[in-house]
Amino acid sequence: KTVYFIKDNYEGFMFDCDDYEQLYEYMKHDKK
């Protein structure tokens, strides 16, 4: 139900599998 609400209201920006490692690096350096 939460996914459906977000899908209906929030458009995405394009990224693909090649970006996953970069996303993971950003998470690793999160200050939390």
Full PDB file with SEQRES, HELIX, SHEET, SSBOND, CRYST1, ORIGX, SCALE, CONECT and MASTER records, all heavy atoms in Angstrom:
SEQRES   1 A   32  LYS THR VAL TYR PHE ILE LYS ASP ASN TYR GLU GLY PHE          
SEQRES   2 A   32  MET PHE ASP CYS ASP ASP TYR GLU GLN LEU TYR GLU TYR          
SEQRES   3 A   32  MET LYS HIS ASP LYS LYS                                      
HELIX    1 AA1 THR A    2  ASN A    9  1                                   8    
HELIX    2 AA2 CYS A   17  ASP A   19  5                                   3    
HELIX    3 AA3 TYR A   20  LYS A   28  1                                   9    
CRYST1    1.000    1.000    1.000  90.00  90.00  90.00 P 1           1          
ORIGX1      1.000000  0.000000  0.000000        0.00000                         
ORIGX2      0.000000  1.000000  0.000000        0.00000                         
ORIGX3      0.000000  0.000000  1.000000        0.00000                         
SCALE1      1.000000  0.000000  0.000000        0.00000                         
SCALE2      0.000000  1.000000  0.000000        0.00000                         
SCALE3      0.000000  0.000000  1.000000        0.00000                         
ATOM      1  N   LYS A   1       0.837  -1.209   0.000  1.00  0.00           N  
ATOM      2  CA  LYS A   1       0.000   0.000   0.000  1.00  0.00           C  
ATOM      3  C   LYS A   1       0.868   1.254   0.000  1.00  0.00           C  
ATOM      4  O   LYS A   1       0.549   2.248  -0.659  1.00  0.00           O  
ATOM      5  CB  LYS A   1      -0.942  -0.003   1.203  1.00  0.00           C  
ATOM      6  CG  LYS A   1      -2.111  -0.963   1.043  1.00  0.00           C  
ATOM      7  CD  LYS A   1      -3.021  -0.962   2.272  1.00  0.00           C  
ATOM      8  CE  LYS A   1      -4.188  -1.928   2.079  1.00  0.00           C  
ATOM      9  NZ  LYS A   1      -5.045  -2.023   3.298  1.00  0.00           N  
ATOM     10  N   THR A   2       1.968   1.196   0.730  1.00  0.00           N  
ATOM     11  CA  THR A   2       2.897   2.330   0.740  1.00  0.00           C  
ATOM     12  C   THR A   2       3.568   2.475  -0.623  1.00  0.00           C  
ATOM     13  O   THR A   2       3.716   3.587  -1.142  1.00  0.00           O  
ATOM     14  CB  THR A   2       3.959   2.155   1.843  1.00  0.00           C  
ATOM     15  OG1 THR A   2       3.314   1.960   3.107  1.00  0.00           O  
ATOM     16  CG2 THR A   2       4.863   3.365   1.929  1.00  0.00           C  
ATOM     17  N   VAL A   3       3.958   1.366  -1.214  1.00  0.00           N  
ATOM     18  CA  VAL A   3       4.561   1.390  -2.552  1.00  0.00           C  
ATOM     19  C   VAL A   3       3.600   1.996  -3.563  1.00  0.00           C  
ATOM     20  O   VAL A   3       3.996   2.852  -4.378  1.00  0.00           O  
ATOM     21  CB  VAL A   3       4.975  -0.036  -2.993  1.00  0.00           C  
ATOM     22  CG1 VAL A   3       5.322  -0.056  -4.487  1.00  0.00           C  
ATOM     23  CG2 VAL A   3       6.160  -0.532  -2.176  1.00  0.00           C  
ATOM     24  N   TYR A   4       2.320   1.613  -3.526  1.00  0.00           N  
ATOM     25  CA  TYR A   4       1.341   2.128  -4.483  1.00  0.00           C  
ATOM     26  C   TYR A   4       1.190   3.630  -4.333  1.00  0.00           C  
ATOM     27  O   TYR A   4       1.088   4.361  -5.327  1.00  0.00           O  
ATOM     28  CB  TYR A   4      -0.009   1.442  -4.292  1.00  0.00           C  
ATOM     29  CG  TYR A   4      -0.003  -0.042  -4.601  1.00  0.00           C  
ATOM     30  CD1 TYR A   4      -0.835  -0.923  -3.912  1.00  0.00           C  
ATOM     31  CD2 TYR A   4       0.849  -0.570  -5.579  1.00  0.00           C  
ATOM     32  CE1 TYR A   4      -0.827  -2.289  -4.182  1.00  0.00           C  
ATOM     33  CE2 TYR A   4       0.868  -1.935  -5.852  1.00  0.00           C  
ATOM     34  CZ  TYR A   4       0.025  -2.780  -5.140  1.00  0.00           C  
ATOM     35  OH  TYR A   4       0.044  -4.130  -5.405  1.00  0.00           O  
ATOM     36  N   PHE A   5       1.165   4.115  -3.083  1.00  0.00           N  
ATOM     37  CA  PHE A   5       1.044   5.561  -2.869  1.00  0.00           C  
ATOM     38  C   PHE A   5       2.239   6.292  -3.468  1.00  0.00           C  
ATOM     39  O   PHE A   5       2.090   7.316  -4.150  1.00  0.00           O  
ATOM     40  CB  PHE A   5       0.932   5.871  -1.369  1.00  0.00           C  
ATOM     41  CG  PHE A   5       0.909   7.339  -1.076  1.00  0.00           C  
ATOM     42  CD1 PHE A   5      -0.264   8.071  -1.201  1.00  0.00           C  
ATOM     43  CD2 PHE A   5       2.073   8.009  -0.692  1.00  0.00           C  
ATOM     44  CE1 PHE A   5      -0.281   9.444  -0.953  1.00  0.00           C  
ATOM     45  CE2 PHE A   5       2.068   9.376  -0.444  1.00  0.00           C  
ATOM     46  CZ  PHE A   5       0.876  10.089  -0.575  1.00  0.00           C  
ATOM     47  N   ILE A   6       3.428   5.779  -3.223  1.00  0.00           N  
ATOM     48  CA  ILE A   6       4.632   6.429  -3.744  1.00  0.00           C  
ATOM     49  C   ILE A   6       4.679   6.357  -5.275  1.00  0.00           C  
ATOM     50  O   ILE A   6       5.001   7.334  -5.950  1.00  0.00           O  
ATOM     51  CB  ILE A   6       5.894   5.796  -3.110  1.00  0.00           C  
ATOM     52  CG1 ILE A   6       5.938   6.139  -1.611  1.00  0.00           C  
ATOM     53  CG2 ILE A   6       7.167   6.274  -3.814  1.00  0.00           C  
ATOM     54  CD1 ILE A   6       7.014   5.401  -0.840  1.00  0.00           C  
ATOM     55  N   LYS A   7       4.321   5.212  -5.821  1.00  0.00           N  
ATOM     56  CA  LYS A   7       4.306   5.063  -7.278  1.00  0.00           C  
ATOM     57  C   LYS A   7       3.358   6.057  -7.928  1.00  0.00           C  
ATOM     58  O   LYS A   7       3.655   6.637  -8.980  1.00  0.00           O  
ATOM     59  CB  LYS A   7       3.908   3.636  -7.662  1.00  0.00           C  
ATOM     60  CG  LYS A   7       3.910   3.397  -9.168  1.00  0.00           C  
ATOM     61  CD  LYS A   7       3.504   1.963  -9.499  1.00  0.00           C  
ATOM     62  CE  LYS A   7       3.505   1.742 -11.018  1.00  0.00           C  
ATOM     63  NZ  LYS A   7       3.104   0.382 -11.379  1.00  0.00           N  
ATOM     64  N   ASP A   8       2.209   6.288  -7.295  1.00  0.00           N  
ATOM     65  CA  ASP A   8       1.202   7.194  -7.853  1.00  0.00           C  
ATOM     66  C   ASP A   8       1.618   8.657  -7.777  1.00  0.00           C  
ATOM     67  O   ASP A   8       1.102   9.489  -8.530  1.00  0.00           O  
ATOM     68  CB  ASP A   8      -0.131   7.026  -7.116  1.00  0.00           C  
ATOM     69  CG  ASP A   8      -0.843   5.743  -7.496  1.00  0.00           C  
ATOM     70  OD1 ASP A   8      -0.459   5.119  -8.505  1.00  0.00           O  
ATOM     71  OD2 ASP A   8      -1.786   5.354  -6.770  1.00  0.00           O  
ATOM     72  N   ASN A   9       2.525   8.987  -6.863  1.00  0.00           N  
ATOM     73  CA  ASN A   9       2.811  10.399  -6.601  1.00  0.00           C  
ATOM     74  C   ASN A   9       4.231  10.847  -6.912  1.00  0.00           C  
ATOM     75  O   ASN A   9       4.458  12.040  -7.134  1.00  0.00           O  
ATOM     76  CB  ASN A   9       2.504  10.721  -5.138  1.00  0.00           C  
ATOM     77  CG  ASN A   9       1.020  10.751  -4.839  1.00  0.00           C  
ATOM     78  OD1 ASN A   9       0.341  11.727  -5.129  1.00  0.00           O  
ATOM     79  ND2 ASN A   9       0.508   9.663  -4.269  1.00  0.00           N  
ATOM     80  N   TYR A  10       5.188   9.920  -6.923  1.00  0.00           N  
ATOM     81  CA  TYR A  10       6.590  10.316  -7.031  1.00  0.00           C  
ATOM     82  C   TYR A  10       7.229   9.686  -8.262  1.00  0.00           C  
ATOM     83  O   TYR A  10       7.464   8.487  -8.296  1.00  0.00           O  
ATOM     84  CB  TYR A  10       7.364   9.906  -5.772  1.00  0.00           C  
ATOM     85  CG  TYR A  10       6.905  10.626  -4.527  1.00  0.00           C  
ATOM     86  CD1 TYR A  10       5.829  10.133  -3.782  1.00  0.00           C  
ATOM     87  CD2 TYR A  10       7.518  11.795  -4.104  1.00  0.00           C  
ATOM     88  CE1 TYR A  10       5.385  10.802  -2.644  1.00  0.00           C  
ATOM     89  CE2 TYR A  10       7.097  12.470  -2.969  1.00  0.00           C  
ATOM     90  CZ  TYR A  10       6.024  11.966  -2.240  1.00  0.00           C  
ATOM     91  OH  TYR A  10       5.586  12.623  -1.122  1.00  0.00           O  
ATOM     92  N   GLU A  11       7.510  10.528  -9.255  1.00  0.00           N  
ATOM     93  CA  GLU A  11       8.184  10.016 -10.438  1.00  0.00           C  
ATOM     94  C   GLU A  11       9.646   9.747 -10.123  1.00  0.00           C  
ATOM     95  O   GLU A  11      10.221  10.316  -9.194  1.00  0.00           O  
ATOM     96  CB  GLU A  11       8.080  11.047 -11.570  1.00  0.00           C  
ATOM     97  CG  GLU A  11       8.777  12.350 -11.251  1.00  0.00           C  
ATOM     98  CD  GLU A  11       8.465  13.451 -12.248  1.00  0.00           C  
ATOM     99  OE1 GLU A  11       7.286  13.590 -12.610  1.00  0.00           O  
ATOM    100  OE2 GLU A  11       9.406  14.154 -12.647  1.00  0.00           O  
ATOM    101  N   GLY A  12      10.273   8.876 -10.894  1.00  0.00           N  
ATOM    102  CA  GLY A  12      11.646   8.488 -10.617  1.00  0.00           C  
ATOM    103  C   GLY A  12      12.658   9.211 -11.483  1.00  0.00           C  
ATOM    104  O   GLY A  12      12.303   9.975 -12.370  1.00  0.00           O  
ATOM    105  N   PHE A  13      13.923   8.986 -11.178  1.00  0.00           N  
ATOM    106  CA  PHE A  13      14.964   9.425 -12.105  1.00  0.00           C  
ATOM    107  C   PHE A  13      15.726   8.172 -12.534  1.00  0.00           C  
ATOM    108  O   PHE A  13      15.755   7.170 -11.817  1.00  0.00           O  
ATOM    109  CB  PHE A  13      15.883  10.471 -11.452  1.00  0.00           C  
ATOM    110  CG  PHE A  13      17.081   9.928 -10.726  1.00  0.00           C  
ATOM    111  CD1 PHE A  13      18.351  10.101 -11.248  1.00  0.00           C  
ATOM    112  CD2 PHE A  13      16.940   9.266  -9.511  1.00  0.00           C  
ATOM    113  CE1 PHE A  13      19.465   9.605 -10.574  1.00  0.00           C  
ATOM    114  CE2 PHE A  13      18.057   8.783  -8.825  1.00  0.00           C  
ATOM    115  CZ  PHE A  13      19.315   8.949  -9.372  1.00  0.00           C  
ATOM    116  N   MET A  14      16.302   8.213 -13.712  1.00  0.00           N  
ATOM    117  CA  MET A  14      16.834   6.997 -14.303  1.00  0.00           C  
ATOM    118  C   MET A  14      18.219   6.658 -13.753  1.00  0.00           C  
ATOM    119  O   MET A  14      19.118   7.492 -13.702  1.00  0.00           O  
ATOM    120  CB  MET A  14      16.898   7.147 -15.830  1.00  0.00           C  
ATOM    121  CG  MET A  14      15.524   7.344 -16.479  1.00  0.00           C  
ATOM    122  SD  MET A  14      14.293   6.105 -15.959  1.00  0.00           S  
ATOM    123  CE  MET A  14      15.036   4.605 -16.609  1.00  0.00           C  
ATOM    124  N   PHE A  15      18.348   5.422 -13.328  1.00  0.00           N  
ATOM    125  CA  PHE A  15      19.641   4.843 -12.995  1.00  0.00           C  
ATOM    126  C   PHE A  15      19.537   3.353 -13.278  1.00  0.00           C  
ATOM    127  O   PHE A  15      18.440   2.826 -13.508  1.00  0.00           O  
ATOM    128  CB  PHE A  15      20.031   5.120 -11.537  1.00  0.00           C  
ATOM    129  CG  PHE A  15      19.158   4.444 -10.519  1.00  0.00           C  
ATOM    130  CD1 PHE A  15      19.522   3.218  -9.978  1.00  0.00           C  
ATOM    131  CD2 PHE A  15      17.962   5.020 -10.104  1.00  0.00           C  
ATOM    132  CE1 PHE A  15      18.718   2.589  -9.040  1.00  0.00           C  
ATOM    133  CE2 PHE A  15      17.151   4.395  -9.164  1.00  0.00           C  
ATOM    134  CZ  PHE A  15      17.528   3.181  -8.635  1.00  0.00           C  
ATOM    135  N   ASP A  16      20.662   2.661 -13.320  1.00  0.00           N  
ATOM    136  CA  ASP A  16      20.614   1.240 -13.654  1.00  0.00           C  
ATOM    137  C   ASP A  16      21.580   0.453 -12.765  1.00  0.00           C  
ATOM    138  O   ASP A  16      22.173   1.000 -11.830  1.00  0.00           O  
ATOM    139  CB  ASP A  16      20.911   1.016 -15.142  1.00  0.00           C  
ATOM    140  CG  ASP A  16      22.243   1.617 -15.567  1.00  0.00           C  
ATOM    141  OD1 ASP A  16      23.194   1.585 -14.764  1.00  0.00           O  
ATOM    142  OD2 ASP A  16      22.327   2.105 -16.713  1.00  0.00           O  
ATOM    143  N   CYS A  17      21.737  -0.828 -13.089  1.00  0.00           N  
ATOM    144  CA  CYS A  17      22.557  -1.717 -12.252  1.00  0.00           C  
ATOM    145  C   CYS A  17      23.998  -1.248 -12.138  1.00  0.00           C  
ATOM    146  O   CYS A  17      24.676  -1.542 -11.144  1.00  0.00           O  
ATOM    147  CB  CYS A  17      22.526  -3.138 -12.809  1.00  0.00           C  
ATOM    148  SG  CYS A  17      20.877  -3.888 -12.794  1.00  0.00           S  
ATOM    149  N   ASP A  18      24.468  -0.538 -13.148  1.00  0.00           N  
ATOM    150  CA  ASP A  18      25.845  -0.044 -13.114  1.00  0.00           C  
ATOM    151  C   ASP A  18      26.061   0.981 -12.007  1.00  0.00           C  
ATOM    152  O   ASP A  18      27.204   1.267 -11.634  1.00  0.00           O  
ATOM    153  CB  ASP A  18      26.221   0.580 -14.463  1.00  0.00           C  
ATOM    154  CG  ASP A  18      26.304  -0.451 -15.580  1.00  0.00           C  
ATOM    155  OD1 ASP A  18      26.502  -1.643 -15.251  1.00  0.00           O  
ATOM    156  OD2 ASP A  18      26.162  -0.070 -16.759  1.00  0.00           O  
ATOM    157  N   ASP A  19      24.963   1.551 -11.486  1.00  0.00           N  
ATOM    158  CA  ASP A  19      25.062   2.572 -10.443  1.00  0.00           C  
ATOM    159  C   ASP A  19      25.005   1.995  -9.030  1.00  0.00           C  
ATOM    160  O   ASP A  19      25.201   2.729  -8.054  1.00  0.00           O  
ATOM    161  CB  ASP A  19      23.929   3.602 -10.592  1.00  0.00           C  
ATOM    162  CG  ASP A  19      24.022   4.385 -11.879  1.00  0.00           C  
ATOM    163  OD1 ASP A  19      25.113   4.917 -12.161  1.00  0.00           O  
ATOM    164  OD2 ASP A  19      23.009   4.468 -12.606  1.00  0.00           O  
ATOM    165  N   TYR A  20      24.749   0.703  -8.902  1.00  0.00           N  
ATOM    166  CA  TYR A  20      24.540   0.122  -7.575  1.00  0.00           C  
ATOM    167  C   TYR A  20      25.776   0.262  -6.682  1.00  0.00           C  
ATOM    168  O   TYR A  20      25.659   0.565  -5.491  1.00  0.00           O  
ATOM    169  CB  TYR A  20      24.153  -1.359  -7.688  1.00  0.00           C  
ATOM    170  CG  TYR A  20      22.715  -1.623  -8.096  1.00  0.00           C  
ATOM    171  CD1 TYR A  20      21.972  -0.674  -8.783  1.00  0.00           C  
ATOM    172  CD2 TYR A  20      22.118  -2.839  -7.798  1.00  0.00           C  
ATOM    173  CE1 TYR A  20      20.656  -0.927  -9.164  1.00  0.00           C  
ATOM    174  CE2 TYR A  20      20.801  -3.107  -8.176  1.00  0.00           C  
ATOM    175  CZ  TYR A  20      20.073  -2.154  -8.862  1.00  0.00           C  
ATOM    176  OH  TYR A  20      18.782  -2.409  -9.237  1.00  0.00           O  
ATOM    177  N   GLU A  21      26.960   0.008  -7.252  1.00  0.00           N  
ATOM    178  CA  GLU A  21      28.184   0.100  -6.451  1.00  0.00           C  
ATOM    179  C   GLU A  21      28.390   1.530  -5.939  1.00  0.00           C  
ATOM    180  O   GLU A  21      28.814   1.730  -4.797  1.00  0.00           O  
ATOM    181  CB  GLU A  21      29.396  -0.360  -7.259  1.00  0.00           C  
ATOM    182  CG  GLU A  21      29.442  -1.847  -7.526  1.00  0.00           C  
ATOM    183  CD  GLU A  21      29.690  -2.680  -6.260  1.00  0.00           C  
ATOM    184  OE1 GLU A  21      30.159  -2.110  -5.232  1.00  0.00           O  
ATOM    185  OE2 GLU A  21      29.440  -3.906  -6.300  1.00  0.00           O  
ATOM    186  N   GLN A  22      28.091   2.514  -6.785  1.00  0.00           N  
ATOM    187  CA  GLN A  22      28.228   3.908  -6.358  1.00  0.00           C  
ATOM    188  C   GLN A  22      27.231   4.231  -5.244  1.00  0.00           C  
ATOM    189  O   GLN A  22      27.574   4.896  -4.254  1.00  0.00           O  
ATOM    190  CB  GLN A  22      28.008   4.856  -7.539  1.00  0.00           C  
ATOM    191  CG  GLN A  22      28.124   6.331  -7.182  1.00  0.00           C  
ATOM    192  CD  GLN A  22      29.536   6.709  -6.748  1.00  0.00           C  
ATOM    193  OE1 GLN A  22      30.462   6.736  -7.545  1.00  0.00           O  
ATOM    194  NE2 GLN A  22      29.707   6.998  -5.453  1.00  0.00           N  
ATOM    195  N   LEU A  23      26.000   3.735  -5.390  1.00  0.00           N  
ATOM    196  CA  LEU A  23      24.991   3.932  -4.344  1.00  0.00           C  
ATOM    197  C   LEU A  23      25.477   3.325  -3.022  1.00  0.00           C  
ATOM    198  O   LEU A  23      25.331   3.927  -1.952  1.00  0.00           O  
ATOM    199  CB  LEU A  23      23.657   3.302  -4.756  1.00  0.00           C  
ATOM    200  CG  LEU A  23      22.865   4.028  -5.844  1.00  0.00           C  
ATOM    201  CD1 LEU A  23      21.750   3.132  -6.374  1.00  0.00           C  
ATOM    202  CD2 LEU A  23      22.273   5.334  -5.308  1.00  0.00           C  
ATOM    203  N   TYR A  24      26.062   2.133  -3.114  1.00  0.00           N  
ATOM    204  CA  TYR A  24      26.536   1.452  -1.907  1.00  0.00           C  
ATOM    205  C   TYR A  24      27.674   2.242  -1.253  1.00  0.00           C  
ATOM    206  O   TYR A  24      27.747   2.333  -0.015  1.00  0.00           O  
ATOM    207  CB  TYR A  24      27.002   0.034  -2.261  1.00  0.00           C  
ATOM    208  CG  TYR A  24      27.273  -0.833  -1.055  1.00  0.00           C  
ATOM    209  CD1 TYR A  24      26.233  -1.303  -0.258  1.00  0.00           C  
ATOM    210  CD2 TYR A  24      28.583  -1.181  -0.707  1.00  0.00           C  
ATOM    211  CE1 TYR A  24      26.485  -2.097   0.860  1.00  0.00           C  
ATOM    212  CE2 TYR A  24      28.844  -1.972   0.402  1.00  0.00           C  
ATOM    213  CZ  TYR A  24      27.790  -2.430   1.173  1.00  0.00           C  
ATOM    214  OH  TYR A  24      28.037  -3.199   2.283  1.00  0.00           O  
ATOM    215  N   GLU A  25      28.551   2.828  -2.058  1.00  0.00           N  
ATOM    216  CA  GLU A  25      29.638   3.646  -1.515  1.00  0.00           C  
ATOM    217  C   GLU A  25      29.086   4.848  -0.760  1.00  0.00           C  
ATOM    218  O   GLU A  25      29.591   5.207   0.312  1.00  0.00           O  
ATOM    219  CB  GLU A  25      30.572   4.115  -2.642  1.00  0.00           C  
ATOM    220  CG  GLU A  25      31.529   3.055  -3.125  1.00  0.00           C  
ATOM    221  CD  GLU A  25      32.431   2.543  -2.006  1.00  0.00           C  
ATOM    222  OE1 GLU A  25      33.070   3.371  -1.320  1.00  0.00           O  
ATOM    223  OE2 GLU A  25      32.484   1.311  -1.800  1.00  0.00           O  
ATOM    224  N   TYR A  26      28.045   5.483  -1.320  1.00  0.00           N  
ATOM    225  CA  TYR A  26      27.424   6.611  -0.622  1.00  0.00           C  
ATOM    226  C   TYR A  26      26.856   6.154   0.725  1.00  0.00           C  
ATOM    227  O   TYR A  26      26.995   6.843   1.738  1.00  0.00           O  
ATOM    228  CB  TYR A  26      26.312   7.225  -1.466  1.00  0.00           C  
ATOM    229  CG  TYR A  26      26.790   8.038  -2.649  1.00  0.00           C  
ATOM    230  CD1 TYR A  26      26.214   7.867  -3.917  1.00  0.00           C  
ATOM    231  CD2 TYR A  26      27.790   8.993  -2.519  1.00  0.00           C  
ATOM    232  CE1 TYR A  26      26.628   8.611  -5.004  1.00  0.00           C  
ATOM    233  CE2 TYR A  26      28.224   9.747  -3.605  1.00  0.00           C  
ATOM    234  CZ  TYR A  26      27.636   9.546  -4.846  1.00  0.00           C  
ATOM    235  OH  TYR A  26      28.053  10.292  -5.916  1.00  0.00           O  
ATOM    236  N   MET A  27      26.219   4.997   0.743  1.00  0.00           N  
ATOM    237  CA  MET A  27      25.647   4.478   1.998  1.00  0.00           C  
ATOM    238  C   MET A  27      26.750   4.213   3.023  1.00  0.00           C  
ATOM    239  O   MET A  27      26.582   4.479   4.210  1.00  0.00           O  
ATOM    240  CB  MET A  27      24.861   3.190   1.739  1.00  0.00           C  
ATOM    241  CG  MET A  27      23.590   3.374   0.946  1.00  0.00           C  
ATOM    242  SD  MET A  27      22.790   1.761   0.643  1.00  0.00           S  
ATOM    243  CE  MET A  27      22.316   1.952  -1.073  1.00  0.00           C  
ATOM    244  N   LYS A  28      27.875   3.686   2.584  1.00  0.00           N  
ATOM    245  CA  LYS A  28      28.983   3.364   3.493  1.00  0.00           C  
ATOM    246  C   LYS A  28      29.518   4.613   4.184  1.00  0.00           C  
ATOM    247  O   LYS A  28      30.016   4.551   5.305  1.00  0.00           O  
ATOM    248  CB  LYS A  28      30.123   2.681   2.729  1.00  0.00           C  
ATOM    249  CG  LYS A  28      29.870   1.216   2.423  1.00  0.00           C  
ATOM    250  CD  LYS A  28      30.912   0.647   1.475  1.00  0.00           C  
ATOM    251  CE  LYS A  28      32.314   0.720   2.042  1.00  0.00           C  
ATOM    252  NZ  LYS A  28      33.318   0.125   1.120  1.00  0.00           N  
ATOM    253  N   HIS A  29      29.389   5.760   3.523  1.00  0.00           N  
ATOM    254  CA  HIS A  29      29.932   6.991   4.076  1.00  0.00           C  
ATOM    255  C   HIS A  29      28.863   7.872   4.716  1.00  0.00           C  
ATOM    256  O   HIS A  29      29.112   9.039   5.030  1.00  0.00           O  
ATOM    257  CB  HIS A  29      30.688   7.769   2.988  1.00  0.00           C  
ATOM    258  CG  HIS A  29      31.961   7.097   2.584  1.00  0.00           C  
ATOM    259  ND1 HIS A  29      32.016   6.170   1.564  1.00  0.00           N  
ATOM    260  CD2 HIS A  29      33.218   7.167   3.100  1.00  0.00           C  
ATOM    261  CE1 HIS A  29      33.256   5.717   1.452  1.00  0.00           C  
ATOM    262  NE2 HIS A  29      34.000   6.302   2.367  1.00  0.00           N  
ATOM    263  N   ASP A  30      27.685   7.305   4.914  1.00  0.00           N  
ATOM    264  CA  ASP A  30      26.627   8.041   5.615  1.00  0.00           C  
ATOM    265  C   ASP A  30      27.103   8.323   7.044  1.00  0.00           C  
ATOM    266  O   ASP A  30      27.645   7.451   7.721  1.00  0.00           O  
ATOM    267  CB  ASP A  30      25.348   7.193   5.634  1.00  0.00           C  
ATOM    268  CG  ASP A  30      24.142   7.987   6.114  1.00  0.00           C  
ATOM    269  OD1 ASP A  30      24.113   8.334   7.310  1.00  0.00           O  
ATOM    270  OD2 ASP A  30      23.226   8.240   5.316  1.00  0.00           O  
ATOM    271  N   LYS A  31      26.880   9.567   7.515  1.00  0.00           N  
ATOM    272  CA  LYS A  31      27.414   9.946   8.825  1.00  0.00           C  
ATOM    273  C   LYS A  31      26.740   9.219   9.994  1.00  0.00           C  
ATOM    274  O   LYS A  31      27.220   9.273  11.124  1.00  0.00           O  
ATOM    275  CB  LYS A  31      27.318  11.460   9.032  1.00  0.00           C  
ATOM    276  CG  LYS A  31      25.918  12.068   9.013  1.00  0.00           C  
ATOM    277  CD  LYS A  31      26.001  13.569   9.276  1.00  0.00           C  
ATOM    278  CE  LYS A  31      24.643  14.246   9.201  1.00  0.00           C  
ATOM    279  NZ  LYS A  31      24.159  14.457   7.842  1.00  0.00           N  
ATOM    280  N   LYS A  32      25.647   8.511   9.742  1.00  0.00           N  
ATOM    281  CA  LYS A  32      24.979   7.759  10.820  1.00  0.00           C  
ATOM    282  C   LYS A  32      25.697   6.451  11.130  1.00  0.00           C  
ATOM    283  O   LYS A  32      25.468   5.835  12.170  1.00  0.00           O  
ATOM    284  CB  LYS A  32      23.522   7.461  10.419  1.00  0.00           C  
ATOM    285  CG  LYS A  32      22.662   8.695  10.215  1.00  0.00           C  
ATOM    286  CD  LYS A  32      21.243   8.335   9.867  1.00  0.00           C  
ATOM    287  CE  LYS A  32      21.088   7.646   8.518  1.00  0.00           C  
ATOM    288  NZ  LYS A  32      21.397   8.498   7.376  1.00  0.00           N  
TER     289      LYS A  32                                                      
MASTER        0    0    0    3    0    0    0    6  288    1    0    3          
END                                                                             
